[in-house]
N, C-alpha and C. Protein backbone atom coordinates (compact mmCIF):
# COMPACT_ATOMS: atom_id res chain seq x y z
N UNK A 1 54.90 -7.44 -85.63
CA UNK A 1 55.86 -6.83 -84.73
C UNK A 1 55.21 -5.67 -83.96
N UNK A 2 54.38 -4.89 -84.66
CA UNK A 2 53.72 -3.77 -84.01
C UNK A 2 52.77 -4.23 -82.91
N UNK A 3 52.13 -5.37 -83.12
CA UNK A 3 51.22 -5.92 -82.13
C UNK A 3 51.97 -6.29 -80.85
N UNK A 4 53.18 -6.84 -80.99
CA UNK A 4 54.01 -7.19 -79.82
C UNK A 4 54.42 -5.96 -79.04
N UNK A 5 54.77 -4.89 -79.77
CA UNK A 5 55.14 -3.63 -79.11
C UNK A 5 53.93 -3.03 -78.41
N UNK A 6 52.77 -3.13 -79.04
CA UNK A 6 51.54 -2.59 -78.48
C UNK A 6 51.21 -3.32 -77.17
N UNK A 7 51.36 -4.64 -77.15
CA UNK A 7 51.11 -5.42 -75.94
C UNK A 7 52.10 -5.01 -74.86
N UNK A 8 53.33 -4.82 -75.25
CA UNK A 8 54.38 -4.41 -74.30
C UNK A 8 54.08 -3.01 -73.76
N UNK A 9 53.66 -2.09 -74.65
CA UNK A 9 53.32 -0.74 -74.20
C UNK A 9 52.13 -0.77 -73.26
N UNK A 10 51.13 -1.59 -73.56
CA UNK A 10 49.96 -1.72 -72.69
C UNK A 10 50.37 -2.24 -71.31
N UNK A 11 51.21 -3.26 -71.30
CA UNK A 11 51.65 -3.83 -70.03
C UNK A 11 52.46 -2.81 -69.24
N UNK A 12 53.31 -2.06 -69.95
CA UNK A 12 54.14 -1.03 -69.29
C UNK A 12 53.25 0.07 -68.71
N UNK A 13 52.27 0.49 -69.47
CA UNK A 13 51.34 1.53 -69.02
C UNK A 13 50.55 1.06 -67.80
N UNK A 14 50.07 -0.15 -67.86
CA UNK A 14 49.30 -0.69 -66.74
C UNK A 14 50.17 -0.84 -65.50
N UNK A 15 51.39 -1.28 -65.72
CA UNK A 15 52.34 -1.42 -64.60
C UNK A 15 52.63 -0.05 -63.97
N UNK A 16 52.88 0.96 -64.80
CA UNK A 16 53.15 2.31 -64.27
C UNK A 16 51.95 2.86 -63.53
N UNK A 17 50.77 2.63 -64.05
CA UNK A 17 49.54 3.09 -63.39
C UNK A 17 49.41 2.44 -62.01
N UNK A 18 49.61 1.15 -61.97
CA UNK A 18 49.53 0.42 -60.70
C UNK A 18 50.61 0.89 -59.74
N UNK A 19 51.80 1.14 -60.26
CA UNK A 19 52.91 1.60 -59.43
C UNK A 19 52.60 2.96 -58.81
N UNK A 20 52.09 3.88 -59.63
CA UNK A 20 51.74 5.21 -59.13
C UNK A 20 50.64 5.10 -58.07
N UNK A 21 49.66 4.24 -58.32
CA UNK A 21 48.57 4.04 -57.36
C UNK A 21 49.10 3.51 -56.03
N UNK A 22 50.00 2.54 -56.10
CA UNK A 22 50.58 1.98 -54.88
C UNK A 22 51.44 3.00 -54.14
N UNK A 23 52.15 3.84 -54.88
CA UNK A 23 52.94 4.90 -54.24
C UNK A 23 52.03 5.85 -53.47
N UNK A 24 50.88 6.21 -54.06
CA UNK A 24 49.94 7.09 -53.38
C UNK A 24 49.40 6.45 -52.11
N UNK A 25 49.06 5.16 -52.21
CA UNK A 25 48.53 4.44 -51.03
C UNK A 25 49.59 4.40 -49.94
N UNK A 26 50.81 4.07 -50.33
CA UNK A 26 51.91 4.01 -49.35
C UNK A 26 52.15 5.37 -48.71
N UNK A 27 52.14 6.42 -49.50
CA UNK A 27 52.35 7.77 -48.96
C UNK A 27 51.26 8.14 -47.96
N UNK A 28 50.01 7.85 -48.30
CA UNK A 28 48.90 8.17 -47.40
C UNK A 28 48.97 7.36 -46.12
N UNK A 29 49.27 6.07 -46.24
CA UNK A 29 49.34 5.23 -45.04
C UNK A 29 50.52 5.63 -44.17
N UNK A 30 51.63 6.03 -44.79
CA UNK A 30 52.78 6.50 -44.01
C UNK A 30 52.41 7.78 -43.28
N UNK A 31 51.71 8.68 -43.96
CA UNK A 31 51.27 9.92 -43.32
C UNK A 31 50.33 9.62 -42.15
N UNK A 32 49.35 8.72 -42.39
CA UNK A 32 48.42 8.35 -41.33
C UNK A 32 49.16 7.74 -40.15
N UNK A 33 50.10 6.87 -40.43
CA UNK A 33 50.88 6.23 -39.38
C UNK A 33 51.67 7.27 -38.59
N UNK A 34 52.30 8.18 -39.29
CA UNK A 34 53.09 9.22 -38.61
C UNK A 34 52.20 10.14 -37.78
N UNK A 35 51.00 10.43 -38.28
CA UNK A 35 50.06 11.26 -37.52
C UNK A 35 49.67 10.57 -36.21
N UNK A 36 49.34 9.29 -36.29
CA UNK A 36 48.95 8.54 -35.09
C UNK A 36 50.15 8.42 -34.14
N UNK A 37 51.31 8.20 -34.70
CA UNK A 37 52.53 8.09 -33.89
C UNK A 37 52.77 9.40 -33.13
N UNK A 38 52.60 10.54 -33.82
CA UNK A 38 52.78 11.84 -33.18
C UNK A 38 51.72 12.06 -32.11
N UNK A 39 50.47 11.70 -32.41
CA UNK A 39 49.39 11.86 -31.43
C UNK A 39 49.67 11.01 -30.18
N UNK A 40 50.12 9.79 -30.40
CA UNK A 40 50.44 8.91 -29.28
C UNK A 40 51.60 9.47 -28.46
N UNK A 41 52.60 9.99 -29.13
CA UNK A 41 53.74 10.58 -28.42
C UNK A 41 53.30 11.78 -27.59
N UNK A 42 52.45 12.60 -28.17
CA UNK A 42 51.94 13.77 -27.44
C UNK A 42 51.13 13.35 -26.22
N UNK A 43 50.25 12.39 -26.41
CA UNK A 43 49.42 11.93 -25.29
C UNK A 43 50.28 11.26 -24.22
N UNK A 44 51.26 10.49 -24.64
CA UNK A 44 52.16 9.83 -23.69
C UNK A 44 52.90 10.88 -22.87
N UNK A 45 53.38 11.92 -23.54
CA UNK A 45 54.08 12.99 -22.83
C UNK A 45 53.14 13.68 -21.83
N UNK A 46 51.89 13.88 -22.23
CA UNK A 46 50.91 14.49 -21.32
C UNK A 46 50.67 13.60 -20.10
N UNK A 47 50.52 12.29 -20.35
CA UNK A 47 50.31 11.37 -19.23
C UNK A 47 51.50 11.37 -18.29
N UNK A 48 52.68 11.33 -18.85
CA UNK A 48 53.89 11.32 -18.02
C UNK A 48 53.98 12.60 -17.19
N UNK A 49 53.69 13.73 -17.82
CA UNK A 49 53.71 15.01 -17.10
C UNK A 49 52.65 15.02 -16.00
N UNK A 50 51.48 14.47 -16.32
CA UNK A 50 50.41 14.43 -15.33
C UNK A 50 50.78 13.53 -14.15
N UNK A 51 51.37 12.36 -14.43
CA UNK A 51 51.79 11.46 -13.36
C UNK A 51 52.86 12.12 -12.49
N UNK A 52 53.75 12.85 -13.12
CA UNK A 52 54.79 13.56 -12.36
C UNK A 52 54.14 14.62 -11.47
N UNK A 53 53.15 15.32 -12.01
CA UNK A 53 52.43 16.33 -11.23
C UNK A 53 51.71 15.69 -10.05
N UNK A 54 51.08 14.54 -10.29
CA UNK A 54 50.41 13.83 -9.20
C UNK A 54 51.40 13.43 -8.10
N UNK A 55 52.56 12.97 -8.52
CA UNK A 55 53.59 12.57 -7.55
C UNK A 55 54.03 13.77 -6.72
N UNK A 56 54.24 14.92 -7.37
CA UNK A 56 54.64 16.13 -6.65
C UNK A 56 53.53 16.58 -5.69
N UNK A 57 52.27 16.48 -6.14
CA UNK A 57 51.14 16.85 -5.29
C UNK A 57 51.09 15.95 -4.06
N UNK A 58 51.35 14.68 -4.27
CA UNK A 58 51.35 13.73 -3.15
C UNK A 58 52.42 14.12 -2.13
N UNK A 59 53.60 14.46 -2.62
CA UNK A 59 54.69 14.85 -1.72
C UNK A 59 54.31 16.11 -0.94
N UNK A 60 53.72 17.09 -1.64
CA UNK A 60 53.31 18.34 -0.97
C UNK A 60 52.26 18.05 0.09
N UNK A 61 51.27 17.21 -0.23
CA UNK A 61 50.22 16.87 0.74
C UNK A 61 50.79 16.13 1.95
N UNK A 62 51.74 15.23 1.70
CA UNK A 62 52.36 14.52 2.82
C UNK A 62 53.12 15.48 3.73
N UNK A 63 53.84 16.43 3.12
CA UNK A 63 54.56 17.43 3.93
C UNK A 63 53.60 18.29 4.71
N UNK A 64 52.52 18.72 4.04
CA UNK A 64 51.53 19.56 4.70
C UNK A 64 50.88 18.81 5.87
N UNK A 65 50.57 17.55 5.66
CA UNK A 65 49.99 16.74 6.72
C UNK A 65 50.97 16.60 7.89
N UNK A 66 52.23 16.38 7.57
CA UNK A 66 53.24 16.24 8.62
C UNK A 66 53.37 17.54 9.42
N UNK A 67 53.34 18.67 8.71
CA UNK A 67 53.41 19.95 9.41
C UNK A 67 52.19 20.18 10.29
N UNK A 68 51.02 19.85 9.77
CA UNK A 68 49.79 20.02 10.56
C UNK A 68 49.82 19.14 11.81
N UNK A 69 50.27 17.92 11.64
CA UNK A 69 50.36 17.02 12.79
C UNK A 69 51.37 17.56 13.79
N UNK A 70 52.50 18.01 13.26
CA UNK A 70 53.54 18.54 14.15
C UNK A 70 53.04 19.78 14.91
N UNK A 71 52.32 20.66 14.20
CA UNK A 71 51.78 21.86 14.85
C UNK A 71 50.77 21.48 15.94
N UNK A 72 49.91 20.51 15.62
CA UNK A 72 48.89 20.14 16.60
C UNK A 72 49.51 19.48 17.82
N UNK A 73 50.61 18.76 17.61
CA UNK A 73 51.27 18.12 18.75
C UNK A 73 52.20 19.07 19.50
N UNK A 74 52.64 20.14 18.84
CA UNK A 74 53.57 21.06 19.50
C UNK A 74 52.87 22.06 20.41
N UNK A 75 51.55 22.18 20.26
CA UNK A 75 50.82 23.07 21.15
C UNK A 75 50.92 22.52 22.56
N UNK A 76 51.17 23.39 23.46
CA UNK A 76 51.29 22.90 24.84
C UNK A 76 49.94 22.44 25.39
N UNK A 77 49.88 21.16 25.58
CA UNK A 77 48.68 20.57 26.18
C UNK A 77 49.13 19.95 27.49
N UNK A 78 48.54 20.43 28.54
CA UNK A 78 48.89 19.90 29.84
C UNK A 78 47.70 19.15 30.40
N UNK A 79 47.98 18.32 31.30
CA UNK A 79 46.89 17.57 31.92
C UNK A 79 45.96 18.49 32.69
N UNK A 80 46.49 19.64 33.10
CA UNK A 80 45.63 20.58 33.82
C UNK A 80 44.67 21.30 32.87
N UNK A 81 45.13 21.57 31.61
CA UNK A 81 44.27 22.33 30.68
C UNK A 81 43.18 21.46 30.05
N UNK A 82 43.44 20.16 29.94
CA UNK A 82 42.44 19.27 29.34
C UNK A 82 42.22 18.07 30.25
N UNK A 83 40.97 17.71 30.41
CA UNK A 83 40.73 16.47 31.13
C UNK A 83 41.19 15.29 30.27
N UNK A 84 41.50 14.18 30.90
CA UNK A 84 42.05 13.02 30.22
C UNK A 84 41.13 12.52 29.12
N UNK A 85 39.84 12.44 29.33
CA UNK A 85 38.93 11.92 28.30
C UNK A 85 38.88 12.85 27.08
N UNK A 86 38.95 14.17 27.29
CA UNK A 86 38.97 15.10 26.16
C UNK A 86 40.26 14.96 25.36
N UNK A 87 41.37 14.78 26.08
CA UNK A 87 42.66 14.60 25.43
C UNK A 87 42.63 13.32 24.57
N UNK A 88 42.12 12.24 25.10
CA UNK A 88 42.03 10.99 24.35
C UNK A 88 41.11 11.15 23.13
N UNK A 89 39.98 11.83 23.35
CA UNK A 89 39.06 12.06 22.24
C UNK A 89 39.72 12.91 21.14
N UNK A 90 40.45 13.93 21.55
CA UNK A 90 41.14 14.80 20.59
C UNK A 90 42.19 14.00 19.80
N UNK A 91 42.97 13.17 20.48
CA UNK A 91 43.98 12.36 19.80
C UNK A 91 43.33 11.34 18.86
N UNK A 92 42.21 10.76 19.28
CA UNK A 92 41.49 9.83 18.41
C UNK A 92 40.95 10.56 17.18
N UNK A 93 40.43 11.75 17.40
CA UNK A 93 39.88 12.55 16.30
C UNK A 93 40.98 12.92 15.29
N UNK A 94 42.14 13.31 15.80
CA UNK A 94 43.28 13.64 14.94
C UNK A 94 43.71 12.42 14.13
N UNK A 95 43.81 11.28 14.78
CA UNK A 95 44.21 10.05 14.09
C UNK A 95 43.18 9.67 13.03
N UNK A 96 41.90 9.81 13.37
CA UNK A 96 40.83 9.50 12.42
C UNK A 96 40.91 10.41 11.19
N UNK A 97 41.08 11.72 11.43
CA UNK A 97 41.15 12.68 10.32
C UNK A 97 42.38 12.43 9.45
N UNK A 98 43.50 12.10 10.08
CA UNK A 98 44.72 11.81 9.32
C UNK A 98 44.51 10.59 8.41
N UNK A 99 43.94 9.54 8.97
CA UNK A 99 43.73 8.32 8.17
C UNK A 99 42.72 8.55 7.06
N UNK A 100 41.67 9.34 7.35
CA UNK A 100 40.65 9.63 6.34
C UNK A 100 41.26 10.45 5.21
N UNK A 101 42.05 11.45 5.54
CA UNK A 101 42.70 12.28 4.53
C UNK A 101 43.65 11.45 3.67
N UNK A 102 44.45 10.62 4.30
CA UNK A 102 45.41 9.80 3.56
C UNK A 102 44.69 8.80 2.66
N UNK A 103 43.64 8.15 3.15
CA UNK A 103 42.95 7.14 2.34
C UNK A 103 42.19 7.80 1.18
N UNK A 104 41.59 8.96 1.40
CA UNK A 104 40.88 9.64 0.31
C UNK A 104 41.86 10.09 -0.77
N UNK A 105 42.97 10.63 -0.35
CA UNK A 105 43.97 11.10 -1.31
C UNK A 105 44.51 9.94 -2.13
N UNK A 106 44.83 8.85 -1.48
CA UNK A 106 45.39 7.69 -2.18
C UNK A 106 44.35 7.09 -3.12
N UNK A 107 43.11 6.96 -2.66
CA UNK A 107 42.05 6.38 -3.50
C UNK A 107 41.80 7.23 -4.75
N UNK A 108 41.70 8.54 -4.56
CA UNK A 108 41.44 9.39 -5.73
C UNK A 108 42.61 9.36 -6.70
N UNK A 109 43.82 9.35 -6.20
CA UNK A 109 45.00 9.28 -7.07
C UNK A 109 45.05 7.92 -7.78
N UNK A 110 44.75 6.85 -7.06
CA UNK A 110 44.77 5.53 -7.68
C UNK A 110 43.69 5.42 -8.75
N UNK A 111 42.52 5.94 -8.49
CA UNK A 111 41.43 5.89 -9.46
C UNK A 111 41.83 6.66 -10.72
N UNK A 112 42.35 7.85 -10.52
CA UNK A 112 42.77 8.67 -11.66
C UNK A 112 43.90 8.00 -12.43
N UNK A 113 44.83 7.40 -11.71
CA UNK A 113 45.94 6.69 -12.34
C UNK A 113 45.42 5.53 -13.20
N UNK A 114 44.49 4.76 -12.68
CA UNK A 114 43.95 3.62 -13.42
C UNK A 114 43.18 4.08 -14.67
N UNK A 115 42.44 5.18 -14.56
CA UNK A 115 41.73 5.71 -15.72
C UNK A 115 42.71 6.14 -16.80
N UNK A 116 43.76 6.85 -16.39
CA UNK A 116 44.76 7.30 -17.35
C UNK A 116 45.52 6.12 -17.95
N UNK A 117 45.81 5.14 -17.15
CA UNK A 117 46.55 3.96 -17.64
C UNK A 117 45.69 3.20 -18.66
N UNK A 118 44.38 3.10 -18.41
CA UNK A 118 43.49 2.43 -19.35
C UNK A 118 43.46 3.18 -20.68
N UNK A 119 43.35 4.49 -20.61
CA UNK A 119 43.36 5.30 -21.82
C UNK A 119 44.68 5.16 -22.57
N UNK A 120 45.76 5.16 -21.84
CA UNK A 120 47.09 4.99 -22.43
C UNK A 120 47.20 3.63 -23.11
N UNK A 121 46.73 2.58 -22.46
CA UNK A 121 46.79 1.24 -23.03
C UNK A 121 45.97 1.13 -24.31
N UNK A 122 44.81 1.79 -24.33
CA UNK A 122 43.98 1.77 -25.54
C UNK A 122 44.70 2.45 -26.69
N UNK A 123 45.35 3.58 -26.42
CA UNK A 123 46.12 4.26 -27.45
C UNK A 123 47.29 3.41 -27.92
N UNK A 124 47.92 2.72 -27.00
CA UNK A 124 49.06 1.88 -27.36
C UNK A 124 48.62 0.73 -28.26
N UNK A 125 47.46 0.15 -27.98
CA UNK A 125 46.93 -0.93 -28.81
C UNK A 125 46.67 -0.39 -30.23
N UNK A 126 46.08 0.80 -30.31
CA UNK A 126 45.80 1.40 -31.61
C UNK A 126 47.11 1.66 -32.36
N UNK A 127 48.09 2.18 -31.67
CA UNK A 127 49.40 2.46 -32.26
C UNK A 127 50.05 1.17 -32.76
N UNK A 128 50.03 0.12 -31.93
CA UNK A 128 50.62 -1.16 -32.33
C UNK A 128 49.89 -1.74 -33.53
N UNK A 129 48.58 -1.60 -33.57
CA UNK A 129 47.79 -2.10 -34.69
C UNK A 129 48.19 -1.39 -35.98
N UNK A 130 48.32 -0.08 -35.93
CA UNK A 130 48.74 0.67 -37.11
C UNK A 130 50.16 0.30 -37.51
N UNK A 131 50.99 0.08 -36.55
CA UNK A 131 52.37 -0.31 -36.82
C UNK A 131 52.40 -1.66 -37.53
N UNK A 132 51.58 -2.62 -37.06
CA UNK A 132 51.51 -3.93 -37.69
C UNK A 132 50.96 -3.82 -39.11
N UNK A 133 49.95 -2.97 -39.31
CA UNK A 133 49.39 -2.80 -40.65
C UNK A 133 50.44 -2.25 -41.61
N UNK A 134 51.21 -1.29 -41.17
CA UNK A 134 52.26 -0.72 -42.02
C UNK A 134 53.28 -1.80 -42.34
N UNK A 135 53.63 -2.59 -41.37
CA UNK A 135 54.61 -3.65 -41.59
C UNK A 135 54.06 -4.67 -42.58
N UNK A 136 52.78 -5.03 -42.43
CA UNK A 136 52.16 -5.99 -43.34
C UNK A 136 52.11 -5.46 -44.77
N UNK A 137 51.86 -4.18 -44.94
CA UNK A 137 51.82 -3.57 -46.27
C UNK A 137 53.21 -3.65 -46.89
N UNK A 138 54.24 -3.32 -46.13
CA UNK A 138 55.60 -3.38 -46.64
C UNK A 138 55.97 -4.81 -47.01
N UNK A 139 55.56 -5.78 -46.22
CA UNK A 139 55.87 -7.17 -46.51
C UNK A 139 55.12 -7.63 -47.75
N UNK A 140 53.85 -7.24 -47.88
CA UNK A 140 53.07 -7.69 -49.03
C UNK A 140 53.58 -7.05 -50.32
N UNK A 141 54.14 -5.86 -50.27
CA UNK A 141 54.68 -5.22 -51.46
C UNK A 141 55.94 -5.92 -51.92
N UNK A 142 56.70 -6.46 -51.00
CA UNK A 142 57.93 -7.12 -51.39
C UNK A 142 57.68 -8.54 -51.85
N UNK A 143 56.51 -9.09 -51.59
CA UNK A 143 56.21 -10.44 -52.06
C UNK A 143 55.69 -10.38 -53.48
N UNK A 144 55.52 -11.52 -54.13
CA UNK A 144 55.09 -11.53 -55.53
C UNK A 144 53.64 -11.06 -55.63
N UNK A 145 53.30 -10.41 -56.77
CA UNK A 145 51.93 -9.89 -56.93
C UNK A 145 50.93 -11.03 -57.04
N UNK A 146 49.72 -10.75 -56.58
CA UNK A 146 48.67 -11.75 -56.60
C UNK A 146 48.15 -11.99 -58.02
N UNK A 147 48.22 -10.97 -58.86
CA UNK A 147 47.68 -11.09 -60.20
C UNK A 147 48.72 -10.55 -61.18
N UNK A 148 49.01 -11.27 -62.17
CA UNK A 148 50.02 -10.88 -63.14
C UNK A 148 49.50 -9.73 -63.98
N UNK A 149 50.38 -8.80 -64.28
CA UNK A 149 50.01 -7.67 -65.12
C UNK A 149 49.70 -8.16 -66.52
N UNK A 150 50.46 -9.16 -66.98
CA UNK A 150 50.25 -9.68 -68.33
C UNK A 150 48.90 -10.36 -68.49
N UNK A 151 48.34 -10.90 -67.41
CA UNK A 151 47.03 -11.53 -67.48
C UNK A 151 45.95 -10.51 -67.77
N UNK A 152 46.16 -9.25 -67.40
CA UNK A 152 45.17 -8.21 -67.60
C UNK A 152 45.25 -7.61 -69.00
N UNK A 153 46.40 -7.74 -69.65
CA UNK A 153 46.59 -7.12 -70.95
C UNK A 153 45.84 -7.93 -72.00
N UNK A 154 45.11 -7.27 -72.85
CA UNK A 154 44.44 -7.94 -73.94
C UNK A 154 45.05 -7.48 -75.26
N UNK A 155 44.90 -8.25 -76.26
CA UNK A 155 45.58 -7.96 -77.52
C UNK A 155 44.74 -7.12 -78.47
N UNK A 156 43.51 -6.86 -78.16
CA UNK A 156 42.64 -6.08 -79.03
C UNK A 156 42.97 -4.61 -78.98
N UNK A 157 42.49 -3.89 -79.97
CA UNK A 157 42.70 -2.44 -80.03
C UNK A 157 41.76 -1.77 -79.02
N UNK A 158 42.22 -0.67 -78.47
CA UNK A 158 41.42 0.05 -77.50
C UNK A 158 41.47 1.52 -77.84
N UNK A 159 40.42 2.22 -77.55
CA UNK A 159 40.43 3.65 -77.81
C UNK A 159 40.64 4.43 -76.52
N UNK A 160 40.93 3.75 -75.41
CA UNK A 160 41.15 4.43 -74.13
C UNK A 160 42.49 5.16 -74.17
N UNK A 161 42.54 6.29 -73.52
CA UNK A 161 43.78 7.04 -73.43
C UNK A 161 44.18 7.03 -71.95
N UNK A 162 45.34 6.46 -71.67
CA UNK A 162 45.83 6.36 -70.30
C UNK A 162 46.95 7.36 -70.11
N UNK A 163 46.97 8.01 -68.94
CA UNK A 163 48.10 8.91 -68.70
C UNK A 163 48.65 8.62 -67.31
N UNK A 164 49.96 8.68 -67.24
CA UNK A 164 50.62 8.47 -65.95
C UNK A 164 51.80 9.41 -65.84
N UNK A 165 51.81 10.20 -64.82
CA UNK A 165 52.94 11.06 -64.46
C UNK A 165 53.57 11.78 -65.64
N UNK A 166 52.84 12.60 -66.31
CA UNK A 166 53.45 13.48 -67.29
C UNK A 166 53.53 12.94 -68.70
N UNK A 167 53.26 11.70 -68.95
CA UNK A 167 53.24 11.21 -70.32
C UNK A 167 51.99 10.39 -70.51
N UNK A 168 51.55 10.31 -71.74
CA UNK A 168 50.33 9.57 -72.00
C UNK A 168 50.59 8.53 -73.06
N UNK A 169 49.86 7.45 -72.93
CA UNK A 169 50.01 6.33 -73.85
C UNK A 169 48.64 6.04 -74.43
N UNK A 170 48.55 5.93 -75.71
CA UNK A 170 47.28 5.57 -76.37
C UNK A 170 47.36 4.12 -76.73
N UNK A 171 46.37 3.36 -76.30
CA UNK A 171 46.37 1.93 -76.62
C UNK A 171 45.31 1.63 -77.64
């Protein structure tokens, strides 16, 4: 009878040890997941704020360009003050500078946007991967164990002293 109790105590001790170990793993992985989730949220907020800032900058530049164009056109230019070819050259130069400014601004903003979007997508992939890993761990814990605890228990005497969470069992 004592041998049966001893086997039961060994199995219980081994089960508790495994349970405590799995709790620690789960706690650490949950912490890691939450850390990555927080980091991703922070970076996402930064990207969104940056995109909003870029949009506001674009609006300011467009207004400034419109004012500059309006000022340059509001100056009194008469046919007497400028010869026709100079006037045409000036208008061509203004149009050229406007198009150059607009294309440079759009290109630099688009390039920066694509770089940020790529970085954001990489973070999202990492976040999704961690999310899937956490889900897989939860699913695997709810499924049956791969190895039976009773298969590990042996009936021989042991001098090992096992302790788990405040109590110890001598096998």
